[in-house]
Each structure stands twice: as C-alpha cells, then as structure tokens.
Amino acid sequence: MLSQLSTASKVVGVKQSAKAIKSGRAARVYIALDAEQRVLRPICELCRQMQVSVEEVATMAELGDACMIDVGAAVVTVLAE
C-alpha cells in the first residue's frame, strides 16, 4: 500500500489533509502511529464523519520515506482521481 504514495496524487500534512477530507477529495488517509494524538485525533474524527478509510503506518519517518520527502509525516492523504 505504501508503495503507491510515491506516485499517487496526494497532500502531506495535517492542514492540507483536513482541507482535502472536508472537500470530499480524499480517497484514503495514512496516519503515523508515533505522531502526537492531539494531532491525529481531529483527522481521525473527520475521516470517520466523511467515511474516508484510514491506514496506520508505524512511524512518521516511514510515512515520509514512502512519500519520497526528507522529513517525517504525521498524515498523508491520497486524493481521489
């Protein structure tokens, strides 16, 4: 699943992900389990409300690597085509 993140249309980060989810553009959301719960909780709640599936990834570093960025990522949203 993570392999698709290198080529998929996506947004990285909490704010951009929240915008994509609210606007109905999110196909799937990936969250890093080692990110702070205060950051993840609102995104998970928004996903539940908007019926967007959430995939868990072990670490922020792993999620950042999958997106081919040099830093870790708490949240990554794959956009609907």
Protein backbone atom coordinates (compact mmCIF):
# COMPACT_ATOMS: atom_id res chain seq x y z
CA MET A 1 0.00 0.00 0.00
CA LEU A 2 2.72 2.47 0.89
CA SER A 3 4.39 1.99 -2.48
CA GLN A 4 1.54 3.89 -4.15
CA LEU A 5 2.41 7.02 -2.18
CA SER A 6 5.47 7.78 -4.31
CA THR A 7 3.36 8.27 -7.44
CA ALA A 8 -0.17 9.00 -6.20
CA SER A 9 -1.77 12.44 -6.18
CA LYS A 10 -1.52 13.34 -2.52
CA VAL A 11 -1.25 16.06 0.07
CA VAL A 12 1.10 15.85 3.05
CA GLY A 13 0.41 17.32 6.45
CA VAL A 14 -2.46 17.88 8.82
CA LYS A 15 -3.81 21.17 7.44
CA GLN A 16 -3.76 20.17 3.78
CA SER A 17 -5.20 16.75 4.62
CA ALA A 18 -8.04 18.30 6.62
CA LYS A 19 -8.90 20.56 3.66
CA ALA A 20 -8.90 17.62 1.25
CA ILE A 21 -11.06 15.49 3.55
CA LYS A 22 -13.58 18.29 4.16
CA SER A 23 -13.87 19.00 0.44
CA GLY A 24 -14.53 15.34 -0.38
CA ARG A 25 -11.31 14.93 -2.38
CA ALA A 26 -9.73 12.33 -0.06
CA ALA A 27 -9.67 8.69 -1.18
CA ARG A 28 -7.58 7.32 1.70
CA VAL A 29 -5.69 8.77 4.66
CA TYR A 30 -2.47 7.42 6.14
CA ILE A 31 -1.54 8.30 9.72
CA ALA A 32 1.71 7.66 11.58
CA LEU A 33 1.16 5.92 14.90
CA ASP A 34 4.09 7.71 16.54
CA ALA A 35 2.61 11.17 15.85
CA GLU A 36 1.01 13.04 18.72
CA GLN A 37 -2.57 12.05 19.45
CA ARG A 38 -3.65 15.69 19.66
CA VAL A 39 -2.64 15.98 16.00
CA LEU A 40 -4.18 12.70 14.85
CA ARG A 41 -7.45 12.77 16.79
CA PRO A 42 -9.15 15.56 14.75
CA ILE A 43 -8.08 13.96 11.45
CA CYS A 44 -9.38 10.54 12.51
CA GLU A 45 -12.68 12.07 13.61
CA LEU A 46 -13.00 13.96 10.32
CA CYS A 47 -12.30 10.74 8.40
CA ARG A 48 -14.99 8.95 10.38
CA GLN A 49 -17.52 11.70 9.64
CA MET A 50 -16.66 11.81 5.93
CA GLN A 51 -16.36 7.99 5.65
CA VAL A 52 -12.75 8.05 4.45
CA SER A 53 -10.66 4.97 5.17
CA VAL A 54 -7.65 5.36 7.43
CA GLU A 55 -4.49 3.27 7.15
CA GLU A 56 -2.00 3.16 10.00
CA VAL A 57 1.75 3.34 9.45
CA ALA A 58 4.24 2.61 12.25
CA THR A 59 6.35 5.79 12.12
CA MET A 60 6.40 9.30 10.73
CA ALA A 61 9.78 8.55 9.16
CA GLU A 62 8.36 5.54 7.30
CA LEU A 63 5.44 7.61 6.02
CA GLY A 64 7.76 10.42 4.91
CA ASP A 65 10.03 7.94 3.12
CA ALA A 66 7.05 6.42 1.30
CA CYS A 67 6.15 9.91 0.05
CA MET A 68 9.76 10.50 -1.00
CA ILE A 69 10.19 13.53 1.26
CA ASP A 70 13.17 14.22 3.51
CA VAL A 71 11.17 14.65 6.71
CA GLY A 72 8.64 12.57 8.58
CA ALA A 73 4.92 13.00 8.01
CA ALA A 74 2.13 12.56 10.55
CA VAL A 75 -0.65 12.50 7.95
CA VAL A 76 -0.75 11.88 4.20
CA THR A 77 -3.95 11.96 2.14
CA VAL A 78 -4.27 10.26 -1.22
CA LEU A 79 -6.59 12.27 -3.43
CA ALA A 80 -9.47 10.77 -5.36
CA GLU A 81 -8.88 10.63 -9.09
